[in-house]
PDB file of N, CA and C in Angstrom:
ATOM      1  N   MET A   1     126.431 147.251  79.067  1.00  0.00           N
ATOM      2  CA  MET A   1     126.133 146.374  77.950  1.00  0.00           C
ATOM      3  C   MET A   1     126.282 144.897  78.306  1.00  0.00           C
ATOM      4  N   THR A   2     127.031 144.586  79.316  1.00  0.00           N
ATOM      5  CA  THR A   2     127.221 143.214  79.735  1.00  0.00           C
ATOM      6  C   THR A   2     125.940 142.635  80.364  1.00  0.00           C
ATOM      7  N   THR A   3     125.144 143.474  81.074  1.00  0.00           N
ATOM      8  CA  THR A   3     123.923 142.986  81.662  1.00  0.00           C
ATOM      9  C   THR A   3     122.881 142.678  80.593  1.00  0.00           C
ATOM     10  N   THR A   4     122.916 143.359  79.489  1.00  0.00           N
ATOM     11  CA  THR A   4     121.958 143.106  78.410  1.00  0.00           C
ATOM     12  C   THR A   4     122.287 141.749  77.793  1.00  0.00           C
ATOM     13  N   ARG A   5     123.496 141.363  77.740  1.00  0.00           N
ATOM     14  CA  ARG A   5     123.870 140.053  77.201  1.00  0.00           C
ATOM     15  C   ARG A   5     123.487 138.918  78.131  1.00  0.00           C
ATOM     16  N   LEU A   6     123.423 139.184  79.441  1.00  0.00           N
ATOM     17  CA  LEU A   6     123.155 138.126  80.409  1.00  0.00           C
ATOM     18  C   LEU A   6     121.650 137.825  80.557  1.00  0.00           C
ATOM     19  N   ILE A   7     120.785 138.756  80.150  1.00  0.00           N
ATOM     20  CA  ILE A   7     119.353 138.571  80.359  1.00  0.00           C
ATOM     21  C   ILE A   7     118.775 137.403  79.572  1.00  0.00           C
ATOM     22  N   PRO A   8     119.052 137.253  78.242  1.00  0.00           N
ATOM     23  CA  PRO A   8     118.453 136.113  77.487  1.00  0.00           C
ATOM     24  C   PRO A   8     118.900 134.729  78.040  1.00  0.00           C
ATOM     25  N   PRO A   9     120.209 134.526  78.372  1.00  0.00           N
ATOM     26  CA  PRO A   9     120.556 133.224  78.918  1.00  0.00           C
ATOM     27  C   PRO A   9     119.954 132.965  80.277  1.00  0.00           C
ATOM     28  N   LEU A  10     119.809 134.015  81.085  1.00  0.00           N
ATOM     29  CA  LEU A  10     119.165 133.831  82.395  1.00  0.00           C
ATOM     30  C   LEU A  10     117.665 133.486  82.246  1.00  0.00           C
ATOM     31  N   LEU A  11     117.012 134.128  81.326  1.00  0.00           N
ATOM     32  CA  LEU A  11     115.594 133.813  81.084  1.00  0.00           C
ATOM     33  C   LEU A  11     115.444 132.386  80.548  1.00  0.00           C
ATOM     34  N   LEU A  12     116.303 132.017  79.611  1.00  0.00           N
ATOM     35  CA  LEU A  12     116.264 130.649  79.079  1.00  0.00           C
ATOM     36  C   LEU A  12     116.540 129.595  80.159  1.00  0.00           C
ATOM     37  N   SER A  13     117.481 129.861  80.996  1.00  0.00           N
ATOM     38  CA  SER A  13     117.767 128.909  82.071  1.00  0.00           C
ATOM     39  C   SER A  13     116.624 128.868  83.108  1.00  0.00           C
ATOM     40  N   ALA A  14     115.961 129.989  83.335  1.00  0.00           N
ATOM     41  CA  ALA A  14     114.809 130.020  84.262  1.00  0.00           C
ATOM     42  C   ALA A  14     113.640 129.196  83.674  1.00  0.00           C
ATOM     43  N   VAL A  15     113.425 129.295  82.396  1.00  0.00           N
ATOM     44  CA  VAL A  15     112.356 128.511  81.729  1.00  0.00           C
ATOM     45  C   VAL A  15     112.705 127.019  81.791  1.00  0.00           C
ATOM     46  N   ILE A  16     113.896 126.669  81.554  1.00  0.00           N
ATOM     47  CA  ILE A  16     114.305 125.240  81.562  1.00  0.00           C
ATOM     48  C   ILE A  16     114.170 124.674  82.982  1.00  0.00           C
ATOM     49  N   VAL A  17     114.586 125.408  83.993  1.00  0.00           N
ATOM     50  CA  VAL A  17     114.486 124.938  85.373  1.00  0.00           C
ATOM     51  C   VAL A  17     113.046 124.847  85.783  1.00  0.00           C
ATOM     52  N   ALA A  18     112.159 125.753  85.366  1.00  0.00           N
ATOM     53  CA  ALA A  18     110.732 125.685  85.706  1.00  0.00           C
ATOM     54  C   ALA A  18     110.087 124.525  85.004  1.00  0.00           C
ATOM     55  N   GLY A  19     110.547 124.105  83.879  1.00  0.00           N
ATOM     56  CA  GLY A  19     109.985 122.956  83.168  1.00  0.00           C
ATOM     57  C   GLY A  19     110.398 121.622  83.832  1.00  0.00           C
ATOM     58  N   CYS A  20     111.393 121.614  84.628  1.00  0.00           N
ATOM     59  CA  CYS A  20     111.867 120.386  85.237  1.00  0.00           C
ATOM     60  C   CYS A  20     111.318 120.154  86.674  1.00  0.00           C
ATOM     61  N   THR A  21     110.387 120.952  87.104  1.00  0.00           N
ATOM     62  CA  THR A  21     109.837 120.766  88.449  1.00  0.00           C
ATOM     63  C   THR A  21     108.964 119.519  88.511  1.00  0.00           C
ATOM     64  N   PRO A  22     109.050 118.742  89.543  1.00  0.00           N
ATOM     65  CA  PRO A  22     108.239 117.512  89.611  1.00  0.00           C
ATOM     66  C   PRO A  22     106.751 117.874  89.853  1.00  0.00           C
ATOM     67  N   THR A  23     105.888 117.076  89.276  1.00  0.00           N
ATOM     68  CA  THR A  23     104.433 117.222  89.472  1.00  0.00           C
ATOM     69  C   THR A  23     103.872 115.958  90.085  1.00  0.00           C
ATOM     70  N   VAL A  24     102.822 116.130  90.867  1.00  0.00           N
ATOM     71  CA  VAL A  24     102.113 115.004  91.480  1.00  0.00           C
ATOM     72  C   VAL A  24     100.715 114.960  90.887  1.00  0.00           C
ATOM     73  N   ALA A  25     100.349 113.846  90.320  1.00  0.00           N
ATOM     74  CA  ALA A  25      99.025 113.703  89.731  1.00  0.00           C
ATOM     75  C   ALA A  25      98.239 112.731  90.611  1.00  0.00           C
ATOM     76  N   VAL A  26      97.034 113.181  91.023  1.00  0.00           N
ATOM     77  CA  VAL A  26      96.127 112.347  91.849  1.00  0.00           C
ATOM     78  C   VAL A  26      95.035 111.872  90.910  1.00  0.00           C
ATOM     79  N   GLN A  27      94.895 110.590  90.781  1.00  0.00           N
ATOM     80  CA  GLN A  27      93.882 109.996  89.903  1.00  0.00           C
ATOM     81  C   GLN A  27      93.072 108.968  90.646  1.00  0.00           C
ATOM     82  N   ALA A  28      91.840 108.807  90.232  1.00  0.00           N
ATOM     83  CA  ALA A  28      90.978 107.778  90.830  1.00  0.00           C
ATOM     84  C   ALA A  28      91.441 106.429  90.312  1.00  0.00           C
ATOM     85  N   PRO A  29      91.309 105.366  91.122  1.00  0.00           N
ATOM     86  CA  PRO A  29      91.728 104.062  90.648  1.00  0.00           C
ATOM     87  C   PRO A  29      90.822 103.562  89.567  1.00  0.00           C
ATOM     88  N   LYS A  30      91.405 102.740  88.669  1.00  0.00           N
ATOM     89  CA  LYS A  30      90.663 102.191  87.527  1.00  0.00           C
ATOM     90  C   LYS A  30      89.680 101.081  87.974  1.00  0.00           C
ATOM     91  N   GLU A  31      90.078 100.311  88.972  1.00  0.00           N
ATOM     92  CA  GLU A  31      89.198  99.275  89.512  1.00  0.00           C
ATOM     93  C   GLU A  31      88.538  99.788  90.755  1.00  0.00           C
ATOM     94  N   PRO A  32      87.331  99.297  91.034  1.00  0.00           N
ATOM     95  CA  PRO A  32      86.629  99.754  92.263  1.00  0.00           C
ATOM     96  C   PRO A  32      87.360  99.237  93.515  1.00  0.00           C
ATOM     97  N   ILE A  33      87.235  99.973  94.569  1.00  0.00           N
ATOM     98  CA  ILE A  33      87.869  99.644  95.839  1.00  0.00           C
ATOM     99  C   ILE A  33      87.003  98.547  96.497  1.00  0.00           C
ATOM    100  N   THR A  34      87.611  97.475  96.847  1.00  0.00           N
ATOM    101  CA  THR A  34      86.884  96.382  97.526  1.00  0.00           C
ATOM    102  C   THR A  34      87.256  96.321  98.979  1.00  0.00           C
ATOM    103  N   VAL A  35      86.313  96.191  99.832  1.00  0.00           N
ATOM    104  CA  VAL A  35      86.561  96.066 101.247  1.00  0.00           C
ATOM    105  C   VAL A  35      86.200  94.632 101.623  1.00  0.00           C
ATOM    106  N   ASN A  36      87.169  93.907 102.123  1.00  0.00           N
ATOM    107  CA  ASN A  36      86.942  92.515 102.450  1.00  0.00           C
ATOM    108  C   ASN A  36      86.647  92.402 103.968  1.00  0.00           C
ATOM    109  N   LEU A  37      85.378  92.076 104.265  1.00  0.00           N
ATOM    110  CA  LEU A  37      84.985  91.976 105.649  1.00  0.00           C
ATOM    111  C   LEU A  37      84.776  90.500 105.995  1.00  0.00           C
ATOM    112  N   ASN A  38      85.525  90.002 106.952  1.00  0.00           N
ATOM    113  CA  ASN A  38      85.323  88.654 107.392  1.00  0.00           C
ATOM    114  C   ASN A  38      84.326  88.647 108.559  1.00  0.00           C
ATOM    115  N   VAL A  39      83.087  88.394 108.220  1.00  0.00           N
ATOM    116  CA  VAL A  39      82.036  88.426 109.227  1.00  0.00           C
ATOM    117  C   VAL A  39      81.617  86.982 109.546  1.00  0.00           C
ATOM    118  N   LYS A  40      81.626  86.643 110.795  1.00  0.00           N
ATOM    119  CA  LYS A  40      81.230  85.286 111.171  1.00  0.00           C
ATOM    120  C   LYS A  40      79.722  85.277 111.429  1.00  0.00           C
ATOM    121  N   ILE A  41      79.026  84.373 110.788  1.00  0.00           N
ATOM    122  CA  ILE A  41      77.592  84.200 110.992  1.00  0.00           C
ATOM    123  C   ILE A  41      77.351  83.055 111.920  1.00  0.00           C
ATOM    124  N   GLU A  42      78.427  82.390 112.376  1.00  0.00           N
ATOM    125  CA  GLU A  42      78.332  81.281 113.265  1.00  0.00           C
ATOM    126  C   GLU A  42      77.557  81.597 114.521  1.00  0.00           C
ATOM    127  N   HIS A  43      77.817  82.749 115.096  1.00  0.00           N
ATOM    128  CA  HIS A  43      77.203  83.131 116.373  1.00  0.00           C
ATOM    129  C   HIS A  43      75.690  83.226 116.197  1.00  0.00           C
ATOM    130  N   GLU A  44      75.227  83.826 115.163  1.00  0.00           N
ATOM    131  CA  GLU A  44      73.796  83.977 114.961  1.00  0.00           C
ATOM    132  C   GLU A  44      73.117  82.611 114.799  1.00  0.00           C
ATOM    133  N   ILE A  45      73.741  81.740 114.055  1.00  0.00           N
ATOM    134  CA  ILE A  45      73.166  80.370 113.836  1.00  0.00           C
ATOM    135  C   ILE A  45      73.091  79.627 115.150  1.00  0.00           C
ATOM    136  N   ARG A  46      74.130  79.687 115.914  1.00  0.00           N
ATOM    137  CA  ARG A  46      74.139  78.964 117.202  1.00  0.00           C
ATOM    138  C   ARG A  46      73.039  79.500 118.137  1.00  0.00           C
ATOM    139  N   VAL A  47      72.845  80.770 118.158  1.00  0.00           N
ATOM    140  CA  VAL A  47      71.797  81.364 118.996  1.00  0.00           C
ATOM    141  C   VAL A  47      70.421  80.896 118.579  1.00  0.00           C
ATOM    142  N   LYS A  48      70.205  80.814 117.284  1.00  0.00           N
ATOM    143  CA  LYS A  48      68.904  80.371 116.770  1.00  0.00           C
ATOM    144  C   LYS A  48      68.690  78.891 117.133  1.00  0.00           C
ATOM    145  N   VAL A  49      69.737  78.070 116.945  1.00  0.00           N
ATOM    146  CA  VAL A  49      69.593  76.638 117.246  1.00  0.00           C
ATOM    147  C   VAL A  49      69.380  76.432 118.769  1.00  0.00           C
ATOM    148  N   ASP A  50      70.113  77.196 119.570  1.00  0.00           N
ATOM    149  CA  ASP A  50      69.942  77.092 121.017  1.00  0.00           C
ATOM    150  C   ASP A  50      68.509  77.439 121.430  1.00  0.00           C
ATOM    151  N   LYS A  51      68.006  78.526 120.850  1.00  0.00           N
ATOM    152  CA  LYS A  51      66.632  78.902 121.192  1.00  0.00           C
ATOM    153  C   LYS A  51      65.625  77.858 120.757  1.00  0.00           C
ATOM    154  N   GLU A  52      65.826  77.264 119.562  1.00  0.00           N
ATOM    155  CA  GLU A  52      64.916  76.214 119.125  1.00  0.00           C
ATOM    156  C   GLU A  52      64.983  75.005 120.030  1.00  0.00           C
ATOM    157  N   LEU A  53      66.217  74.646 120.445  1.00  0.00           N
ATOM    158  CA  LEU A  53      66.341  73.489 121.336  1.00  0.00           C
ATOM    159  C   LEU A  53      65.715  73.761 122.680  1.00  0.00           C
ATOM    160  N   ASP A  54      65.842  74.975 123.194  1.00  0.00           N
ATOM    161  CA  ASP A  54      65.165  75.335 124.455  1.00  0.00           C
ATOM    162  C   ASP A  54      63.666  75.177 124.333  1.00  0.00           C
ATOM    163  N   ASN A  55      63.118  75.595 123.199  1.00  0.00           N
ATOM    164  CA  ASN A  55      61.655  75.464 122.961  1.00  0.00           C
ATOM    165  C   ASN A  55      61.264  73.968 122.909  1.00  0.00           C
ATOM    166  N   VAL A  56      62.060  73.127 122.268  1.00  0.00           N
ATOM    167  CA  VAL A  56      61.756  71.706 122.201  1.00  0.00           C
ATOM    168  C   VAL A  56      61.772  71.065 123.551  1.00  0.00           C
ATOM    169  N   PHE A  57      62.785  71.371 124.374  1.00  0.00           N
ATOM    170  CA  PHE A  57      62.905  70.811 125.694  1.00  0.00           C
ATOM    171  C   PHE A  57      61.844  71.329 126.628  1.00  0.00           C
ATOM    172  N   GLU A  58      61.376  72.584 126.433  1.00  0.00           N
ATOM    173  CA  GLU A  58      60.310  73.074 127.281  1.00  0.00           C
ATOM    174  C   GLU A  58      58.955  72.393 126.964  1.00  0.00           C
ATOM    175  N   ASP A  59      58.780  72.116 125.701  1.00  0.00           N
ATOM    176  CA  ASP A  59      57.507  71.453 125.285  1.00  0.00           C
ATOM    177  C   ASP A  59      57.420  70.019 125.820  1.00  0.00           C
ATOM    178  N   LYS A  60      58.544  69.304 125.836  1.00  0.00           N
ATOM    179  CA  LYS A  60      58.511  67.909 126.256  1.00  0.00           C
ATOM    180  C   LYS A  60      59.396  67.782 127.500  1.00  0.00           C
ATOM    181  N   GLU A  61      58.814  67.995 128.635  1.00  0.00           N
ATOM    182  CA  GLU A  61      59.565  68.027 129.918  1.00  0.00           C
ATOM    183  C   GLU A  61      60.090  66.639 130.274  1.00  0.00           C
ATOM    184  N   GLY A  62      59.416  65.559 129.968  1.00  0.00           N
ATOM    185  CA  GLY A  62      59.780  64.254 130.427  1.00  0.00           C
ATOM    186  C   GLY A  62      60.670  63.510 129.451  1.00  0.00           C
ATOM    187  N   ILE A  63      61.337  64.181 128.557  1.00  0.00           N
ATOM    188  CA  ILE A  63      62.198  63.503 127.587  1.00  0.00           C
ATOM    189  C   ILE A  63      63.391  62.802 128.252  1.00  0.00           C
ATOM    190  N   PHE A  64      64.026  63.425 129.214  1.00  0.00           N
ATOM    191  CA  PHE A  64      65.190  62.831 129.841  1.00  0.00           C
ATOM    192  C   PHE A  64      64.862  62.342 131.202  1.00  0.00           C
TER     193      PHE A  64
END
């Protein structure tokens, strides 16, 4: 008869302990993810200017 008395408190304590388990929630961010890329365009501009200068110097050989 003593085991019959222990079953309800054990079940109640098992339910309480199961309710206290930690949960992890994975959610999408509210704001969009931004990727900040620092791209230098300097190199491309210098190459274009250098090519244009080469063309100008080739056209007028007696400049200097």
